Amino acid sequence: MRYAKIIGINLLILVALLAIVELIFGGWIIERNVLANYNIVFSKTYHFDVSKIYPEGGNVTYTRDKYGLRMSGKSEPGFAEILTVGGSTTDQRYLSDGLTWQDAMHEELLKSGLQMTIANAGIDGQSTFGHLKNFEIWVPLIPQLKPKYVMFYIGINDFYIDAEKWAEITDIENAGFKSEIKNKSVIYNTVRKIKGALNSRVVRVSHSKIDFSKLTYTTKPLLDSTRYRIILGERLTGYKARMEQLALLAKKWALFRFLFHNHVVNTGFLTMEQLKGLLKQKIMVM
C-alpha cells in the first residue's frame, strides 16, 4: 500500500506538471501557441552556420516578420501579389534573407517591369496536411493579405506519408475533440515533431550535405512499373484529394489564379519567361 500511495502521489504530481506545461505552452489559452505547434514563428531572426551543408559555408540570417512571413519586395502583407506555399524548398531556412528564389523571382520580374511583392509562407518539413492547416488557422490572421496568385511548391514531403494512415482527408475536414488535441497540445506536437525529425533522417530528406560527385545517375527505377504504380497510386489518392482542397482554398484567397509546381507529378521547372507569361495572362497551371 505504501508503494502504491507513493506511485499514486508521483503520478498526480506528474499530471499536474504536464497540465501546467499544456496551459502555458499549449494553445488552450494562448491561441498563437497553436501556430507554434505547426512550426510557424513570428518576429524572429536566426543566424545559422551552414558550413556542414554548403561547400562555401559561412553564416546566414533567417528572418520571419511579425506575421510569420518572409517578404520579397514591400514589407507589409497587404502589398503581396504572390503568396508562396511549400516545405523546406519554399521556406529555405538555410539561405540568407535576400537570397531565396522568391527574392530572385522578385528581382527578375522587376527587371521586366512587373513590380510584384512576394510573401513567403513556406514552412520547413510541412506536407499538404500542414498547408491545409495554414489556410485554416494562420492565413486568416494575416491582415489585408489578398494575393493575386498563390504558388504551391509541394509534393516531396507527401511522398513519405504512410498511404494507409493518411489516404483520406476526412480527418482534416471533420473537426472534433481529437482535432482540438492535435491543434493545441504542446506535448502531442512535440512528440510529433521528434518523430518527424527521426523519420526524415531515415528516408534522407533532412538538411544535410550531399556530394553529388559520388552519386551515379540512372534512369532505372528502384521498383518495377507494376509495383511502383500500386505503391504510388495509394499515396496519390490522398494527395489528389488534398491538392483539390488546396485549390479550393487558394481560389477563396487569390484574386485571380494560382500556380501549382509539383515535385511529385512534374519534375520539370518553370522558366522565368514562362512564369512572366503566366502572370500576365492570369493562367492557372495544374
Protein backbone atom coordinates (compact mmCIF):
# COMPACT_ATOMS: atom_id res chain seq x y z
CA MET A 1 0.00 0.00 0.00
CA ARG A 2 2.82 2.35 0.87
CA TYR A 3 4.47 1.97 -2.54
CA ALA A 4 1.13 2.28 -4.29
CA LYS A 5 0.47 5.54 -2.44
CA ILE A 6 3.93 6.89 -3.36
CA ILE A 7 3.41 5.94 -7.02
CA GLY A 8 -0.07 7.50 -6.97
CA ILE A 9 1.21 10.78 -5.50
CA ASN A 10 4.04 10.95 -8.05
CA LEU A 11 1.60 10.29 -10.88
CA LEU A 12 -0.64 13.09 -9.63
CA ILE A 13 2.36 15.46 -9.46
CA LEU A 14 3.40 14.42 -12.99
CA VAL A 15 -0.11 15.00 -14.33
CA ALA A 16 -0.26 18.40 -12.61
CA LEU A 17 3.10 19.42 -14.11
CA LEU A 18 2.04 18.28 -17.58
CA ALA A 19 -1.20 20.23 -17.21
CA ILE A 20 0.77 23.36 -16.29
CA VAL A 21 3.05 22.85 -19.32
CA GLU A 22 -0.01 22.45 -21.55
CA LEU A 23 -1.65 25.60 -20.20
CA ILE A 24 1.49 27.71 -20.58
CA PHE A 25 2.89 26.42 -23.88
CA GLY A 26 -0.17 24.82 -25.49
CA GLY A 27 -2.90 26.58 -27.42
CA TRP A 28 -5.64 26.16 -24.82
CA ILE A 29 -5.31 29.75 -23.55
CA ILE A 30 -2.81 31.46 -25.87
CA GLU A 31 -4.06 30.95 -29.43
CA ARG A 32 -0.74 31.87 -31.06
CA ASN A 33 0.82 28.81 -29.43
CA VAL A 34 -1.31 26.73 -31.82
CA LEU A 35 0.67 28.22 -34.69
CA ALA A 36 3.95 27.43 -32.92
CA ASN A 37 2.85 23.79 -32.86
CA TYR A 38 2.98 23.91 -36.66
CA ASN A 39 6.49 25.43 -36.74
CA ILE A 40 5.18 28.91 -37.57
CA VAL A 41 7.33 31.54 -35.86
CA PHE A 42 6.85 35.30 -35.54
CA SER A 43 9.21 38.25 -35.19
CA LYS A 44 12.31 36.08 -35.08
CA THR A 45 15.78 36.37 -36.57
CA TYR A 46 18.08 33.36 -36.55
CA HIS A 47 21.74 33.03 -37.50
CA PHE A 48 22.87 29.64 -38.81
CA ASP A 49 26.29 28.24 -39.62
CA VAL A 50 25.75 26.33 -42.88
CA SER A 51 29.32 25.08 -43.33
CA LYS A 52 28.12 21.49 -42.84
CA ILE A 53 25.51 21.86 -45.60
CA TYR A 54 27.01 24.08 -48.32
CA PRO A 55 30.61 23.97 -49.62
CA GLU A 56 31.00 27.76 -49.33
CA GLY A 57 29.90 27.58 -45.69
CA GLY A 58 29.52 30.78 -43.70
CA ASN A 59 26.70 32.20 -41.61
CA VAL A 60 23.22 33.01 -42.87
CA THR A 61 20.49 35.25 -41.48
CA TYR A 62 16.94 33.91 -41.48
CA THR A 63 14.11 36.27 -40.56
CA ARG A 64 10.38 35.83 -40.05
CA ASP A 65 8.33 39.03 -39.64
CA LYS A 66 5.56 39.69 -37.13
CA TYR A 67 3.10 37.82 -39.33
CA GLY A 68 5.36 34.77 -39.75
CA LEU A 69 6.30 35.60 -43.36
CA ARG A 70 9.50 36.18 -45.34
CA MET A 71 8.82 39.12 -47.63
CA SER A 72 10.40 39.92 -51.00
CA GLY A 73 9.59 43.50 -52.01
CA LYS A 74 7.44 45.65 -49.76
CA SER A 75 7.31 44.63 -46.11
CA GLU A 76 3.56 44.64 -45.44
CA PRO A 77 1.50 41.56 -46.46
CA GLY A 78 -1.26 43.78 -47.84
CA PHE A 79 1.06 44.60 -50.76
CA ALA A 80 1.78 40.94 -51.56
CA GLU A 81 0.60 39.92 -55.01
CA ILE A 82 2.10 36.43 -54.85
CA LEU A 83 1.87 34.05 -51.89
CA THR A 84 4.23 31.06 -51.96
CA VAL A 85 3.34 27.91 -50.01
CA GLY A 86 5.50 24.82 -49.53
CA GLY A 87 8.03 22.98 -47.37
CA SER A 88 11.75 23.49 -46.95
CA THR A 89 12.34 24.27 -50.66
CA THR A 90 9.96 27.22 -50.24
CA ASP A 91 10.99 28.18 -46.70
CA GLN A 92 14.76 27.96 -47.44
CA ARG A 93 15.78 28.23 -43.81
CA TYR A 94 19.48 27.96 -44.64
CA LEU A 95 19.53 30.68 -47.29
CA SER A 96 20.07 34.24 -46.09
CA ASP A 97 17.42 36.93 -46.34
CA GLY A 98 17.57 38.36 -49.85
CA LEU A 99 18.94 35.18 -51.44
CA THR A 100 15.81 32.98 -51.69
CA TRP A 101 14.25 32.02 -55.01
CA GLN A 102 11.40 34.40 -54.13
CA ASP A 103 13.95 37.22 -53.91
CA ALA A 104 15.46 36.17 -57.26
CA MET A 105 11.98 35.99 -58.83
CA HIS A 106 11.09 39.42 -57.45
CA GLU A 107 14.24 40.92 -58.96
CA GLU A 108 13.71 39.27 -62.35
CA LEU A 109 10.08 40.36 -62.50
CA LEU A 110 11.15 43.87 -61.54
CA LYS A 111 13.59 43.93 -64.48
CA SER A 112 10.68 43.04 -66.75
CA GLY A 113 8.55 45.87 -65.44
CA LEU A 114 6.45 43.75 -63.07
CA GLN A 115 6.70 45.18 -59.56
CA MET A 116 5.26 42.31 -57.53
CA THR A 117 5.77 41.77 -53.81
CA ILE A 118 6.06 38.12 -52.79
CA ALA A 119 5.05 36.74 -49.38
CA ASN A 120 6.85 33.52 -48.48
CA ALA A 121 4.69 31.26 -46.27
CA GLY A 122 6.86 28.15 -46.69
CA ILE A 123 7.31 26.04 -43.56
CA ASP A 124 10.21 23.62 -43.22
CA GLY A 125 9.02 20.00 -43.23
CA GLN A 126 5.37 20.67 -43.95
CA SER A 127 3.31 18.45 -46.24
CA THR A 128 -0.05 19.32 -47.80
CA PHE A 129 -1.65 18.43 -44.43
CA GLY A 130 0.23 21.35 -42.88
CA HIS A 131 -0.59 23.65 -45.80
CA LEU A 132 -4.30 22.94 -45.34
CA LYS A 133 -3.96 23.75 -41.66
CA ASN A 134 -2.19 27.01 -42.56
CA PHE A 135 -5.23 28.20 -44.50
CA GLU A 136 -7.41 27.27 -41.53
CA ILE A 137 -5.51 28.72 -38.58
CA TRP A 138 -2.77 31.06 -39.90
CA VAL A 139 -3.60 32.77 -43.20
CA PRO A 140 -6.87 34.29 -41.87
CA LEU A 141 -4.85 36.04 -39.13
CA ILE A 142 -2.61 37.92 -41.60
CA PRO A 143 -4.15 41.39 -42.05
CA GLN A 144 -5.08 42.57 -45.56
CA LEU A 145 -3.45 39.54 -47.20
CA LYS A 146 -5.20 39.16 -50.56
CA PRO A 147 -2.67 37.95 -53.15
CA LYS A 148 -3.42 37.77 -56.85
CA TYR A 149 -1.65 34.43 -57.04
CA VAL A 150 -0.95 31.53 -54.70
CA MET A 151 2.04 29.46 -55.78
CA PHE A 152 2.36 25.94 -54.33
CA TYR A 153 5.75 24.24 -54.49
CA ILE A 154 4.85 20.91 -52.98
CA GLY A 155 4.97 17.12 -53.21
CA ILE A 156 8.22 15.71 -51.85
CA ASN A 157 7.14 15.73 -48.19
CA ASP A 158 3.88 13.96 -49.08
CA PHE A 159 5.67 11.09 -50.80
CA TYR A 160 6.82 9.64 -47.48
CA ILE A 161 3.45 9.87 -45.72
CA ASP A 162 2.10 6.40 -44.95
CA ALA A 163 -0.58 5.67 -47.55
CA GLU A 164 -2.96 3.67 -45.35
CA LYS A 165 -2.86 6.10 -42.45
CA TRP A 166 -3.17 9.32 -44.41
CA ALA A 167 -5.04 8.38 -47.60
CA GLU A 168 -8.26 10.11 -46.56
CA ILE A 169 -8.81 13.81 -45.99
CA THR A 170 -11.76 13.33 -43.62
CA ASP A 171 -9.59 13.80 -40.52
CA ILE A 172 -8.88 17.36 -41.66
CA GLU A 173 -12.44 18.17 -42.64
CA ASN A 174 -14.14 16.76 -39.53
CA ALA A 175 -13.19 18.87 -36.54
CA GLY A 176 -13.73 17.43 -33.08
CA PHE A 177 -12.08 16.78 -29.74
CA LYS A 178 -9.34 14.71 -31.37
CA SER A 179 -8.63 17.54 -33.78
CA GLU A 180 -8.55 20.03 -30.89
CA ILE A 181 -5.90 17.98 -29.10
CA LYS A 182 -3.79 17.76 -32.26
CA ASN A 183 -4.04 21.51 -32.78
CA LYS A 184 -3.50 22.71 -29.22
CA SER A 185 -1.48 20.13 -27.27
CA VAL A 186 2.18 21.09 -26.98
CA ILE A 187 3.07 17.61 -25.70
CA TYR A 188 1.40 15.86 -28.64
CA ASN A 189 3.05 18.20 -31.14
CA THR A 190 6.48 17.93 -29.51
CA VAL A 191 6.31 14.13 -29.85
CA ARG A 192 5.06 14.54 -33.43
CA LYS A 193 7.99 16.82 -34.32
CA ILE A 194 10.54 14.45 -32.79
CA LYS A 195 9.07 11.51 -34.71
CA GLY A 196 9.05 13.57 -37.88
CA ALA A 197 12.69 14.59 -37.44
CA LEU A 198 13.74 10.98 -36.86
CA ASN A 199 11.73 9.73 -39.84
CA SER A 200 13.21 12.43 -42.08
CA ARG A 201 16.68 11.14 -41.26
CA VAL A 202 15.64 7.57 -42.07
CA VAL A 203 14.32 8.50 -45.53
CA ARG A 204 17.11 11.08 -46.02
CA VAL A 205 15.02 14.18 -46.57
CA SER A 206 16.59 16.16 -43.73
CA HIS A 207 19.03 19.01 -44.28
CA SER A 208 22.44 17.54 -44.99
CA LYS A 209 25.43 17.98 -47.25
CA ILE A 210 25.39 15.86 -50.42
CA ASP A 211 28.45 15.14 -52.53
CA PHE A 212 26.92 14.76 -55.99
CA SER A 213 30.26 13.70 -57.46
CA LYS A 214 29.89 10.41 -55.58
CA LEU A 215 26.39 9.72 -56.87
CA THR A 216 25.64 7.75 -60.01
CA TYR A 217 22.85 8.99 -62.26
CA THR A 218 20.48 6.32 -63.50
CA THR A 219 17.20 6.09 -65.37
CA LYS A 220 16.46 2.64 -63.97
CA PRO A 221 13.66 2.68 -61.35
CA LEU A 222 14.11 1.05 -57.96
CA LEU A 223 10.85 -0.87 -58.41
CA ASP A 224 9.24 -2.49 -61.44
CA SER A 225 6.49 -0.43 -63.05
CA THR A 226 3.60 -2.56 -61.75
CA ARG A 227 4.69 -2.42 -58.11
CA TYR A 228 5.59 1.24 -58.44
CA ARG A 229 2.09 2.13 -59.69
CA ILE A 230 0.49 0.20 -56.83
CA ILE A 231 2.58 1.92 -54.13
CA LEU A 232 2.46 5.40 -55.65
CA GLY A 233 -1.20 5.06 -56.59
CA GLU A 234 -2.20 4.60 -52.94
CA ARG A 235 -0.31 7.71 -51.94
CA LEU A 236 -1.62 9.75 -54.84
CA THR A 237 -5.24 9.00 -53.88
CA GLY A 238 -4.94 11.05 -50.70
CA TYR A 239 -2.53 13.52 -52.29
CA LYS A 240 -5.01 14.32 -55.07
CA ALA A 241 -7.76 14.99 -52.52
CA ARG A 242 -5.52 17.38 -50.60
CA MET A 243 -4.43 19.12 -53.81
CA GLU A 244 -8.07 19.68 -54.74
CA GLN A 245 -8.80 21.06 -51.28
CA LEU A 246 -5.83 23.43 -51.51
CA ALA A 247 -7.02 24.57 -54.93
CA LEU A 248 -10.42 25.47 -53.49
CA LEU A 249 -8.84 27.37 -50.60
CA ALA A 250 -6.49 29.22 -52.94
CA LYS A 251 -9.42 30.34 -55.09
CA LYS A 252 -11.00 31.89 -52.00
CA TRP A 253 -7.85 33.81 -51.11
CA ALA A 254 -6.37 34.71 -54.50
CA LEU A 255 -8.00 37.39 -56.63
CA PHE A 256 -7.10 35.73 -59.91
CA ARG A 257 -5.43 32.35 -60.37
CA PHE A 258 -3.00 30.06 -58.66
CA LEU A 259 0.02 28.05 -59.77
CA PHE A 260 0.96 24.53 -58.78
CA HIS A 261 4.51 23.42 -59.25
CA ASN A 262 4.58 19.83 -58.13
CA HIS A 263 7.68 17.89 -57.01
CA VAL A 264 5.97 14.54 -57.50
CA VAL A 265 3.91 14.96 -60.66
CA ASN A 266 6.01 17.47 -62.56
CA THR A 267 9.77 17.05 -62.49
CA GLY A 268 10.41 20.00 -64.79
CA PHE A 269 10.89 23.65 -63.83
CA LEU A 270 9.14 26.82 -64.90
CA THR A 271 11.50 29.19 -66.67
CA MET A 272 11.33 32.88 -65.80
CA GLU A 273 9.89 33.66 -69.24
CA GLN A 274 7.15 31.08 -68.73
CA LEU A 275 6.37 32.46 -65.29
CA LYS A 276 6.16 36.04 -66.53
CA GLY A 277 3.85 34.95 -69.32
CA LEU A 278 1.58 33.12 -66.90
CA LEU A 279 1.40 36.06 -64.53
CA LYS A 280 0.49 38.45 -67.33
CA GLN A 281 -2.17 36.13 -68.69
CA LYS A 282 -3.52 35.18 -65.25
CA ILE A 283 -3.47 31.48 -66.20
CA MET A 284 -3.94 28.60 -63.78
CA VAL A 285 -1.47 25.75 -64.14
CA MET A 286 -2.03 22.28 -62.66
